[in-house]
N, C-alpha and C. Protein backbone atom coordinates (compact mmCIF):
# COMPACT_ATOMS: atom_id res chain seq x y z
N UNK A 1 -251.41 57.36 -15.70
CA UNK A 1 -250.98 57.02 -17.04
C UNK A 1 -249.63 57.65 -17.33
N UNK A 2 -248.81 56.95 -18.03
CA UNK A 2 -247.47 57.47 -18.33
C UNK A 2 -247.36 57.86 -19.80
N UNK A 3 -248.41 58.46 -20.32
CA UNK A 3 -248.42 58.87 -21.72
C UNK A 3 -247.56 60.12 -21.90
N UNK A 4 -246.82 60.17 -22.97
CA UNK A 4 -246.04 61.35 -23.31
C UNK A 4 -247.00 62.46 -23.68
N UNK A 5 -246.95 63.55 -22.96
CA UNK A 5 -247.89 64.65 -23.17
C UNK A 5 -247.40 65.64 -24.23
N UNK A 6 -246.22 65.43 -24.81
CA UNK A 6 -245.79 66.33 -25.87
C UNK A 6 -246.77 66.19 -27.02
N UNK A 7 -247.02 67.27 -27.67
CA UNK A 7 -248.11 67.26 -28.64
C UNK A 7 -247.65 67.72 -30.02
N UNK A 8 -248.22 67.10 -31.00
CA UNK A 8 -248.03 67.52 -32.38
C UNK A 8 -249.24 68.38 -32.73
N UNK A 9 -249.04 69.50 -33.39
CA UNK A 9 -250.18 70.36 -33.71
C UNK A 9 -251.32 69.57 -34.38
N UNK A 10 -252.53 69.84 -33.93
CA UNK A 10 -253.70 69.17 -34.48
C UNK A 10 -254.22 68.06 -33.59
N UNK A 11 -253.44 67.64 -32.60
CA UNK A 11 -253.85 66.57 -31.68
C UNK A 11 -253.66 67.03 -30.24
N UNK A 12 -254.63 66.76 -29.40
CA UNK A 12 -254.50 67.13 -27.99
C UNK A 12 -253.75 66.05 -27.21
N UNK A 13 -253.77 64.79 -27.71
CA UNK A 13 -253.07 63.68 -27.06
C UNK A 13 -253.07 62.49 -28.02
N UNK A 14 -252.43 61.41 -27.60
CA UNK A 14 -252.38 60.22 -28.45
C UNK A 14 -253.74 59.64 -28.74
N UNK A 15 -254.63 59.65 -27.75
CA UNK A 15 -255.97 59.13 -27.97
C UNK A 15 -256.71 59.94 -29.02
N UNK A 16 -256.50 61.24 -29.04
CA UNK A 16 -257.10 62.11 -30.04
C UNK A 16 -256.66 61.69 -31.44
N UNK A 17 -255.37 61.41 -31.61
CA UNK A 17 -254.85 60.97 -32.91
C UNK A 17 -255.50 59.64 -33.32
N UNK A 18 -255.60 58.72 -32.36
CA UNK A 18 -256.21 57.42 -32.65
C UNK A 18 -257.66 57.58 -33.06
N UNK A 19 -258.41 58.37 -32.30
CA UNK A 19 -259.83 58.54 -32.58
C UNK A 19 -260.07 59.22 -33.93
N UNK A 20 -259.16 60.09 -34.35
CA UNK A 20 -259.32 60.71 -35.66
C UNK A 20 -259.17 59.69 -36.78
N UNK A 21 -258.33 58.68 -36.57
CA UNK A 21 -258.14 57.64 -37.59
C UNK A 21 -259.31 56.67 -37.60
N UNK A 22 -259.81 56.29 -36.42
CA UNK A 22 -260.86 55.27 -36.37
C UNK A 22 -262.26 55.87 -36.28
N UNK A 23 -262.37 57.20 -36.43
CA UNK A 23 -263.68 57.84 -36.38
C UNK A 23 -264.58 57.27 -37.47
N UNK A 24 -265.77 56.96 -37.08
CA UNK A 24 -266.73 56.35 -38.00
C UNK A 24 -267.22 55.05 -37.38
N UNK A 25 -268.47 54.79 -37.56
CA UNK A 25 -269.10 53.64 -36.91
C UNK A 25 -268.44 52.31 -37.29
N UNK A 26 -267.94 52.19 -38.52
CA UNK A 26 -267.51 50.89 -39.03
C UNK A 26 -266.01 50.70 -39.10
N UNK A 27 -265.23 51.77 -39.03
CA UNK A 27 -263.78 51.64 -39.20
C UNK A 27 -263.12 50.68 -38.21
N UNK A 28 -263.44 50.75 -36.92
CA UNK A 28 -262.79 49.79 -36.01
C UNK A 28 -263.09 48.34 -36.39
N UNK A 29 -264.31 48.05 -36.85
CA UNK A 29 -264.65 46.68 -37.25
C UNK A 29 -263.90 46.28 -38.52
N UNK A 30 -263.82 47.19 -39.48
CA UNK A 30 -263.07 46.91 -40.71
C UNK A 30 -261.63 46.56 -40.36
N UNK A 31 -261.01 47.40 -39.54
CA UNK A 31 -259.62 47.19 -39.15
C UNK A 31 -259.47 45.86 -38.41
N UNK A 32 -260.39 45.60 -37.49
CA UNK A 32 -260.33 44.37 -36.70
C UNK A 32 -260.43 43.13 -37.58
N UNK A 33 -261.36 43.13 -38.53
CA UNK A 33 -261.52 41.96 -39.39
C UNK A 33 -260.35 41.80 -40.36
N UNK A 34 -259.71 42.89 -40.75
CA UNK A 34 -258.54 42.78 -41.62
C UNK A 34 -257.32 42.24 -40.88
N UNK A 35 -257.35 42.24 -39.55
CA UNK A 35 -256.25 41.66 -38.79
C UNK A 35 -256.12 40.17 -39.08
N UNK A 36 -257.22 39.53 -39.48
CA UNK A 36 -257.21 38.10 -39.83
C UNK A 36 -256.45 37.84 -41.13
N UNK A 37 -256.28 38.88 -41.94
CA UNK A 37 -255.59 38.73 -43.22
C UNK A 37 -256.35 39.46 -44.31
N UNK A 38 -255.81 39.46 -45.53
CA UNK A 38 -256.46 40.17 -46.64
C UNK A 38 -257.89 39.68 -46.84
N UNK A 39 -258.76 40.62 -47.20
CA UNK A 39 -260.16 40.30 -47.45
C UNK A 39 -260.61 40.97 -48.74
N UNK A 40 -261.42 40.24 -49.47
CA UNK A 40 -262.08 40.84 -50.63
C UNK A 40 -263.25 41.67 -50.12
N UNK A 41 -263.74 42.55 -50.97
CA UNK A 41 -264.81 43.47 -50.58
C UNK A 41 -266.02 42.71 -50.02
N UNK A 42 -266.47 41.67 -50.73
CA UNK A 42 -267.65 40.92 -50.29
C UNK A 42 -267.45 40.27 -48.93
N UNK A 43 -266.24 39.78 -48.67
CA UNK A 43 -265.94 39.19 -47.37
C UNK A 43 -266.07 40.23 -46.26
N UNK A 44 -265.56 41.44 -46.53
CA UNK A 44 -265.67 42.50 -45.54
C UNK A 44 -267.12 42.88 -45.30
N UNK A 45 -267.90 42.98 -46.37
CA UNK A 45 -269.29 43.37 -46.21
C UNK A 45 -270.06 42.33 -45.39
N UNK A 46 -269.75 41.06 -45.57
CA UNK A 46 -270.39 40.02 -44.76
C UNK A 46 -269.92 40.06 -43.31
N UNK A 47 -268.64 40.36 -43.10
CA UNK A 47 -268.09 40.39 -41.74
C UNK A 47 -268.63 41.59 -40.95
N UNK A 48 -268.72 42.74 -41.62
CA UNK A 48 -269.18 43.96 -40.97
C UNK A 48 -270.69 44.08 -41.23
N UNK A 49 -271.45 43.31 -40.49
CA UNK A 49 -272.90 43.24 -40.71
C UNK A 49 -273.57 44.58 -40.48
N UNK A 50 -274.45 44.95 -41.40
CA UNK A 50 -275.22 46.17 -41.26
C UNK A 50 -274.68 47.38 -42.00
N UNK A 51 -273.46 47.30 -42.51
CA UNK A 51 -272.89 48.44 -43.22
C UNK A 51 -273.41 48.46 -44.65
N UNK A 52 -273.74 49.65 -45.13
CA UNK A 52 -274.20 49.79 -46.51
C UNK A 52 -273.00 49.78 -47.46
N UNK A 53 -273.27 49.48 -48.72
CA UNK A 53 -272.23 49.47 -49.75
C UNK A 53 -271.53 50.82 -49.80
N UNK A 54 -272.31 51.90 -49.85
CA UNK A 54 -271.77 53.25 -49.97
C UNK A 54 -270.84 53.58 -48.79
N UNK A 55 -271.27 53.28 -47.59
CA UNK A 55 -270.49 53.62 -46.40
C UNK A 55 -269.23 52.76 -46.31
N UNK A 56 -269.34 51.47 -46.64
CA UNK A 56 -268.16 50.61 -46.60
C UNK A 56 -267.10 51.11 -47.57
N UNK A 57 -267.50 51.43 -48.78
CA UNK A 57 -266.55 51.96 -49.77
C UNK A 57 -265.93 53.26 -49.26
N UNK A 58 -266.75 54.16 -48.72
CA UNK A 58 -266.25 55.44 -48.22
C UNK A 58 -265.25 55.23 -47.09
N UNK A 59 -265.56 54.36 -46.14
CA UNK A 59 -264.66 54.17 -45.01
C UNK A 59 -263.38 53.45 -45.43
N UNK A 60 -263.48 52.53 -46.39
CA UNK A 60 -262.27 51.89 -46.91
C UNK A 60 -261.37 52.92 -47.60
N UNK A 61 -261.97 53.84 -48.37
CA UNK A 61 -261.17 54.88 -49.03
C UNK A 61 -260.49 55.78 -48.01
N UNK A 62 -261.20 56.12 -46.93
CA UNK A 62 -260.60 56.96 -45.89
C UNK A 62 -259.45 56.23 -45.20
N UNK A 63 -259.66 54.95 -44.89
CA UNK A 63 -258.59 54.17 -44.25
C UNK A 63 -257.39 54.03 -45.17
N UNK A 64 -257.65 53.90 -46.47
CA UNK A 64 -256.55 53.84 -47.44
C UNK A 64 -255.81 55.19 -47.45
N UNK A 65 -256.56 56.28 -47.48
CA UNK A 65 -255.95 57.60 -47.47
C UNK A 65 -255.15 57.89 -46.21
N UNK A 66 -255.56 57.28 -45.09
CA UNK A 66 -254.87 57.47 -43.82
C UNK A 66 -253.69 56.53 -43.63
N UNK A 67 -253.41 55.69 -44.63
CA UNK A 67 -252.27 54.79 -44.56
C UNK A 67 -252.50 53.57 -43.68
N UNK A 68 -253.76 53.20 -43.46
CA UNK A 68 -254.09 52.07 -42.59
C UNK A 68 -254.36 50.81 -43.42
N UNK A 69 -254.90 50.99 -44.62
CA UNK A 69 -255.32 49.89 -45.49
C UNK A 69 -254.69 50.05 -46.86
N UNK A 70 -254.36 48.93 -47.47
CA UNK A 70 -253.89 48.92 -48.87
C UNK A 70 -254.97 48.22 -49.70
N UNK A 71 -255.34 48.86 -50.78
CA UNK A 71 -256.29 48.27 -51.74
C UNK A 71 -255.48 47.74 -52.91
N UNK A 72 -255.63 46.45 -53.20
CA UNK A 72 -254.92 45.84 -54.32
C UNK A 72 -255.92 45.45 -55.39
N UNK A 73 -255.78 46.06 -56.57
CA UNK A 73 -256.63 45.73 -57.71
C UNK A 73 -255.80 44.85 -58.63
N UNK A 74 -256.27 43.61 -58.85
CA UNK A 74 -255.51 42.64 -59.63
C UNK A 74 -255.71 42.80 -61.14
N UNK A 75 -256.54 43.76 -61.54
CA UNK A 75 -256.78 44.07 -62.97
C UNK A 75 -257.19 42.82 -63.74
N UNK A 76 -258.12 42.06 -63.18
CA UNK A 76 -258.62 40.84 -63.82
C UNK A 76 -260.08 41.00 -64.19
N UNK A 77 -260.54 40.12 -65.04
CA UNK A 77 -261.96 40.03 -65.37
C UNK A 77 -262.41 38.63 -64.99
N UNK A 78 -263.40 38.47 -64.12
CA UNK A 78 -264.10 39.54 -63.40
C UNK A 78 -263.16 40.24 -62.42
N UNK A 79 -263.55 41.48 -62.04
CA UNK A 79 -262.67 42.26 -61.17
C UNK A 79 -262.36 41.54 -59.85
N UNK A 80 -261.12 41.66 -59.43
CA UNK A 80 -260.70 41.11 -58.14
C UNK A 80 -259.89 42.17 -57.41
N UNK A 81 -260.40 42.55 -56.26
CA UNK A 81 -259.76 43.56 -55.42
C UNK A 81 -259.73 43.02 -54.01
N UNK A 82 -258.63 43.24 -53.30
CA UNK A 82 -258.65 42.90 -51.88
C UNK A 82 -258.04 44.03 -51.06
N UNK A 83 -258.29 43.93 -49.78
CA UNK A 83 -257.85 44.94 -48.82
C UNK A 83 -257.02 44.25 -47.76
N UNK A 84 -255.94 44.92 -47.36
CA UNK A 84 -255.07 44.39 -46.32
C UNK A 84 -254.57 45.55 -45.48
N UNK A 85 -254.11 45.24 -44.29
CA UNK A 85 -253.58 46.27 -43.41
C UNK A 85 -252.14 46.61 -43.78
N UNK A 86 -251.80 47.86 -43.67
CA UNK A 86 -250.41 48.29 -43.77
C UNK A 86 -249.73 47.94 -42.44
N UNK A 87 -248.41 48.07 -42.36
CA UNK A 87 -247.77 47.87 -41.04
C UNK A 87 -248.34 48.80 -39.96
N UNK A 88 -248.61 50.05 -40.33
CA UNK A 88 -249.23 50.99 -39.40
C UNK A 88 -250.64 50.50 -39.01
N UNK A 89 -251.39 50.03 -39.98
CA UNK A 89 -252.73 49.51 -39.72
C UNK A 89 -252.71 48.28 -38.82
N UNK A 90 -251.70 47.45 -38.99
CA UNK A 90 -251.58 46.25 -38.15
C UNK A 90 -251.37 46.65 -36.69
N UNK A 91 -250.55 47.67 -36.44
CA UNK A 91 -250.34 48.10 -35.05
C UNK A 91 -251.64 48.66 -34.47
N UNK A 92 -252.41 49.34 -35.28
CA UNK A 92 -253.71 49.86 -34.81
C UNK A 92 -254.67 48.70 -34.53
N UNK A 93 -254.71 47.72 -35.40
CA UNK A 93 -255.57 46.55 -35.20
C UNK A 93 -255.18 45.82 -33.92
N UNK A 94 -253.88 45.68 -33.68
CA UNK A 94 -253.41 45.03 -32.45
C UNK A 94 -253.91 45.79 -31.21
N UNK A 95 -253.98 47.12 -31.32
CA UNK A 95 -254.46 47.93 -30.20
C UNK A 95 -255.96 47.75 -29.97
N UNK A 96 -256.69 47.34 -31.01
CA UNK A 96 -258.14 47.12 -30.86
C UNK A 96 -258.47 45.77 -30.21
N UNK A 97 -257.54 44.84 -30.24
CA UNK A 97 -257.80 43.50 -29.68
C UNK A 97 -258.22 43.56 -28.21
N UNK A 98 -257.54 44.33 -27.34
CA UNK A 98 -258.01 44.39 -25.94
C UNK A 98 -259.43 44.96 -25.82
N UNK A 99 -259.80 45.89 -26.68
CA UNK A 99 -261.17 46.42 -26.65
C UNK A 99 -262.16 45.32 -27.02
N UNK A 100 -261.81 44.51 -27.99
CA UNK A 100 -262.66 43.39 -28.38
C UNK A 100 -262.79 42.39 -27.23
N UNK A 101 -261.69 42.13 -26.56
CA UNK A 101 -261.71 41.21 -25.41
C UNK A 101 -262.62 41.76 -24.32
N UNK A 102 -262.49 43.04 -24.02
CA UNK A 102 -263.34 43.67 -23.01
C UNK A 102 -264.81 43.52 -23.40
N UNK A 103 -265.12 43.77 -24.67
CA UNK A 103 -266.50 43.65 -25.13
C UNK A 103 -267.03 42.23 -24.99
N UNK A 104 -266.22 41.25 -25.34
CA UNK A 104 -266.64 39.85 -25.22
C UNK A 104 -266.87 39.48 -23.75
N UNK A 105 -265.99 39.95 -22.88
CA UNK A 105 -266.10 39.62 -21.46
C UNK A 105 -267.28 40.32 -20.78
N UNK A 106 -267.70 41.44 -21.33
CA UNK A 106 -268.74 42.25 -20.70
C UNK A 106 -270.00 42.38 -21.54
N UNK A 107 -270.13 41.55 -22.57
CA UNK A 107 -271.24 41.67 -23.51
C UNK A 107 -272.61 41.59 -22.82
N UNK A 108 -272.78 40.64 -21.88
CA UNK A 108 -274.07 40.51 -21.19
C UNK A 108 -274.40 41.76 -20.39
N UNK A 109 -273.42 42.28 -19.67
CA UNK A 109 -273.66 43.49 -18.87
C UNK A 109 -273.99 44.68 -19.77
N UNK A 110 -273.27 44.81 -20.87
CA UNK A 110 -273.51 45.91 -21.81
C UNK A 110 -274.91 45.77 -22.42
N UNK A 111 -275.29 44.55 -22.77
CA UNK A 111 -276.63 44.32 -23.33
C UNK A 111 -277.71 44.71 -22.32
N UNK A 112 -277.50 44.38 -21.05
CA UNK A 112 -278.47 44.76 -20.01
C UNK A 112 -278.57 46.28 -19.89
N UNK A 113 -277.43 46.95 -19.87
CA UNK A 113 -277.43 48.41 -19.76
C UNK A 113 -278.16 49.04 -20.94
N UNK A 114 -277.89 48.56 -22.15
CA UNK A 114 -278.55 49.12 -23.33
C UNK A 114 -280.05 48.85 -23.30
N UNK A 115 -280.45 47.65 -22.87
CA UNK A 115 -281.87 47.33 -22.78
C UNK A 115 -282.54 48.24 -21.76
N UNK A 116 -281.87 48.47 -20.64
CA UNK A 116 -282.41 49.37 -19.61
C UNK A 116 -282.52 50.79 -20.14
N UNK A 117 -281.48 51.24 -20.82
CA UNK A 117 -281.49 52.60 -21.38
C UNK A 117 -282.58 52.76 -22.41
N UNK A 118 -282.79 51.72 -23.25
CA UNK A 118 -283.86 51.77 -24.24
C UNK A 118 -285.23 51.86 -23.58
N UNK A 119 -285.34 51.31 -22.38
CA UNK A 119 -286.60 51.37 -21.63
C UNK A 119 -286.92 52.77 -21.10
N UNK A 120 -285.91 53.64 -21.04
CA UNK A 120 -286.13 54.99 -20.57
C UNK A 120 -286.92 55.84 -21.57
N UNK A 121 -286.88 55.42 -22.82
CA UNK A 121 -287.49 56.23 -23.89
C UNK A 121 -288.98 56.11 -23.89
């Protein structure tokens, strides 16, 4: 690997910085689905199947605080809010696309491994 090993305090390497931003079960999915364009809260909740209301709100707030997502409140009645990626968030989402491709290409093998592992219990 030809990664620059110079380090900024608080990070051991570039992957460490990335993982600190996407830490959390749902953040990579939120970022990935926002790559398609702005989404309202309900659209995100439907896209990220299995996430609770509380956790989705918490992870969106963290992503907003980290400069990855912008929350736009249109100050309308009924309330209308949407979420979109910042330029920094878009570069992170682009980096997740190869991981998604790998998952799609290897989904059957991964499912077999997980089924086998579940059988160990």
